[in-house]
Amino acid sequence: MISLDKRRLGEILESYGIINVTYKNNPVWLESISTDKDGVIQVKDLKTDKLMSVDIKDLKE
């Protein structure tokens, strides 16, 4: 698995394809990159539907 950066997350958010992203080995849906906290993104855990704000560096592709 590859660690993500803000540039790559932007590409994923703009893409029309399905790209698997995980946080702590759990699949997540990327909601939005926070504009007030650099390096943070809001994600939804696909197993629990829980919304979380996480560090981009903790996401894997």
N, C-alpha and C. Protein backbone atom coordinates (compact mmCIF):
# COMPACT_ATOMS: atom_id res chain seq x y z
N MET A 1 0.83 -1.18 0.00
CA MET A 1 0.00 0.00 0.00
C MET A 1 0.88 1.25 0.00
N ILE A 2 0.40 2.27 -0.65
CA ILE A 2 1.15 3.51 -0.80
C ILE A 2 0.52 4.59 0.08
N SER A 3 1.36 5.32 0.82
CA SER A 3 0.87 6.47 1.59
C SER A 3 0.48 7.58 0.64
N LEU A 4 -0.55 8.33 1.00
CA LEU A 4 -1.05 9.39 0.13
C LEU A 4 -0.55 10.75 0.56
N ASP A 5 -0.60 11.70 -0.38
CA ASP A 5 -0.30 13.10 -0.08
C ASP A 5 -1.47 13.95 -0.58
N LYS A 6 -1.45 15.23 -0.27
CA LYS A 6 -2.58 16.11 -0.59
C LYS A 6 -2.83 16.18 -2.10
N ARG A 7 -1.78 16.19 -2.90
CA ARG A 7 -1.92 16.23 -4.35
C ARG A 7 -2.67 15.00 -4.85
N ARG A 8 -2.26 13.82 -4.38
CA ARG A 8 -2.89 12.57 -4.83
C ARG A 8 -4.34 12.50 -4.36
N LEU A 9 -4.62 12.98 -3.16
CA LEU A 9 -6.00 12.98 -2.68
C LEU A 9 -6.88 13.85 -3.57
N GLY A 10 -6.35 14.98 -4.01
CA GLY A 10 -7.09 15.82 -4.93
C GLY A 10 -7.42 15.09 -6.22
N GLU A 11 -6.47 14.33 -6.74
CA GLU A 11 -6.69 13.54 -7.95
C GLU A 11 -7.78 12.50 -7.72
N ILE A 12 -7.74 11.84 -6.57
CA ILE A 12 -8.73 10.81 -6.26
C ILE A 12 -10.11 11.42 -6.14
N LEU A 13 -10.22 12.56 -5.44
CA LEU A 13 -11.51 13.22 -5.26
C LEU A 13 -12.11 13.65 -6.60
N GLU A 14 -11.28 14.02 -7.57
CA GLU A 14 -11.75 14.48 -8.87
C GLU A 14 -11.99 13.34 -9.86
N SER A 15 -11.54 12.15 -9.54
CA SER A 15 -11.64 11.04 -10.49
C SER A 15 -13.06 10.46 -10.50
N TYR A 16 -13.38 9.80 -11.59
CA TYR A 16 -14.68 9.15 -11.74
C TYR A 16 -14.56 7.65 -11.48
N GLY A 17 -13.36 7.15 -11.32
CA GLY A 17 -13.15 5.74 -11.08
C GLY A 17 -13.25 5.38 -9.61
N ILE A 18 -13.19 4.10 -9.34
CA ILE A 18 -13.19 3.62 -7.96
C ILE A 18 -11.75 3.37 -7.55
N ILE A 19 -11.33 4.06 -6.51
CA ILE A 19 -9.97 3.94 -6.01
C ILE A 19 -10.06 3.56 -4.53
N ASN A 20 -9.47 2.44 -4.19
CA ASN A 20 -9.54 1.95 -2.81
C ASN A 20 -8.56 2.70 -1.93
N VAL A 21 -9.10 3.29 -0.85
CA VAL A 21 -8.30 4.02 0.13
C VAL A 21 -8.63 3.45 1.50
N THR A 22 -7.60 3.27 2.34
CA THR A 22 -7.82 2.74 3.68
C THR A 22 -7.22 3.65 4.75
N TYR A 23 -7.81 3.55 5.93
CA TYR A 23 -7.31 4.23 7.13
C TYR A 23 -7.24 3.16 8.21
N LYS A 24 -6.05 2.89 8.70
CA LYS A 24 -5.83 1.83 9.69
C LYS A 24 -6.44 0.51 9.22
N ASN A 25 -6.19 0.18 7.96
CA ASN A 25 -6.64 -1.05 7.30
C ASN A 25 -8.14 -1.16 7.11
N ASN A 26 -8.89 -0.09 7.34
CA ASN A 26 -10.34 -0.08 7.09
C ASN A 26 -10.62 0.76 5.86
N PRO A 27 -11.48 0.27 4.95
CA PRO A 27 -11.82 1.06 3.76
C PRO A 27 -12.57 2.32 4.15
N VAL A 28 -12.22 3.44 3.49
CA VAL A 28 -12.86 4.72 3.78
C VAL A 28 -13.28 5.40 2.49
N TRP A 29 -14.27 6.28 2.62
CA TRP A 29 -14.72 7.15 1.54
C TRP A 29 -14.19 8.54 1.84
N LEU A 30 -13.56 9.16 0.87
CA LEU A 30 -13.01 10.50 1.05
C LEU A 30 -14.13 11.52 0.92
N GLU A 31 -14.35 12.31 1.96
CA GLU A 31 -15.42 13.30 1.95
C GLU A 31 -14.90 14.64 1.43
N SER A 32 -13.95 15.25 2.13
CA SER A 32 -13.41 16.53 1.68
C SER A 32 -12.12 16.84 2.42
N ILE A 33 -11.26 17.58 1.73
CA ILE A 33 -10.03 18.05 2.36
C ILE A 33 -10.36 19.29 3.15
N SER A 34 -9.99 19.29 4.41
CA SER A 34 -10.26 20.44 5.27
C SER A 34 -9.47 21.65 4.79
N THR A 35 -10.13 22.79 4.73
CA THR A 35 -9.43 24.00 4.29
C THR A 35 -8.82 24.76 5.46
N ASP A 36 -9.29 24.48 6.68
CA ASP A 36 -8.76 25.20 7.83
C ASP A 36 -7.68 24.43 8.58
N LYS A 37 -7.49 23.18 8.25
CA LYS A 37 -6.46 22.37 8.91
C LYS A 37 -5.63 21.69 7.82
N ASP A 38 -4.47 22.21 7.55
CA ASP A 38 -3.62 21.65 6.51
C ASP A 38 -3.23 20.21 6.84
N GLY A 39 -3.34 19.35 5.86
CA GLY A 39 -2.93 17.96 6.04
C GLY A 39 -3.99 17.08 6.67
N VAL A 40 -5.25 17.55 6.72
CA VAL A 40 -6.34 16.79 7.32
C VAL A 40 -7.44 16.61 6.29
N ILE A 41 -8.08 15.45 6.31
CA ILE A 41 -9.21 15.18 5.42
C ILE A 41 -10.31 14.50 6.21
N GLN A 42 -11.55 14.78 5.82
CA GLN A 42 -12.68 14.10 6.44
C GLN A 42 -12.98 12.85 5.62
N VAL A 43 -13.11 11.72 6.32
CA VAL A 43 -13.41 10.44 5.67
C VAL A 43 -14.57 9.78 6.38
N LYS A 44 -15.20 8.84 5.67
CA LYS A 44 -16.25 8.02 6.26
C LYS A 44 -15.78 6.58 6.24
N ASP A 45 -15.78 5.94 7.40
CA ASP A 45 -15.43 4.52 7.50
C ASP A 45 -16.56 3.73 6.83
N LEU A 46 -16.23 2.94 5.81
CA LEU A 46 -17.25 2.23 5.05
C LEU A 46 -17.85 1.06 5.82
N LYS A 47 -17.20 0.62 6.88
CA LYS A 47 -17.75 -0.48 7.69
C LYS A 47 -18.72 0.03 8.75
N THR A 48 -18.46 1.23 9.29
CA THR A 48 -19.26 1.73 10.41
C THR A 48 -20.06 2.99 10.08
N ASP A 49 -19.80 3.61 8.93
CA ASP A 49 -20.41 4.89 8.52
C ASP A 49 -20.00 6.05 9.43
N LYS A 50 -18.98 5.86 10.25
CA LYS A 50 -18.50 6.92 11.15
C LYS A 50 -17.69 7.94 10.36
N LEU A 51 -17.98 9.24 10.55
CA LEU A 51 -17.20 10.31 9.94
C LEU A 51 -16.04 10.66 10.86
N MET A 52 -14.85 10.86 10.27
CA MET A 52 -13.66 11.17 11.04
C MET A 52 -12.82 12.18 10.28
N SER A 53 -12.08 13.00 11.00
CA SER A 53 -11.05 13.85 10.41
C SER A 53 -9.72 13.19 10.72
N VAL A 54 -8.95 12.90 9.66
CA VAL A 54 -7.71 12.16 9.84
C VAL A 54 -6.56 12.86 9.11
N ASP A 55 -5.34 12.56 9.53
CA ASP A 55 -4.16 13.07 8.83
C ASP A 55 -4.03 12.36 7.49
N ILE A 56 -3.79 13.13 6.45
CA ILE A 56 -3.63 12.55 5.11
C ILE A 56 -2.55 11.48 5.11
N LYS A 57 -1.47 11.72 5.83
CA LYS A 57 -0.35 10.76 5.83
C LYS A 57 -0.73 9.40 6.39
N ASP A 58 -1.86 9.30 7.08
CA ASP A 58 -2.30 8.02 7.65
C ASP A 58 -3.17 7.22 6.69
N LEU A 59 -3.46 7.76 5.51
CA LEU A 59 -4.25 7.07 4.51
C LEU A 59 -3.35 6.28 3.57
N LYS A 60 -3.84 5.16 3.09
CA LYS A 60 -3.10 4.30 2.16
C LYS A 60 -3.96 4.02 0.94
N GLU A 61 -3.27 3.90 -0.20
CA GLU A 61 -3.94 3.55 -1.46
C GLU A 61 -3.53 2.17 -1.87
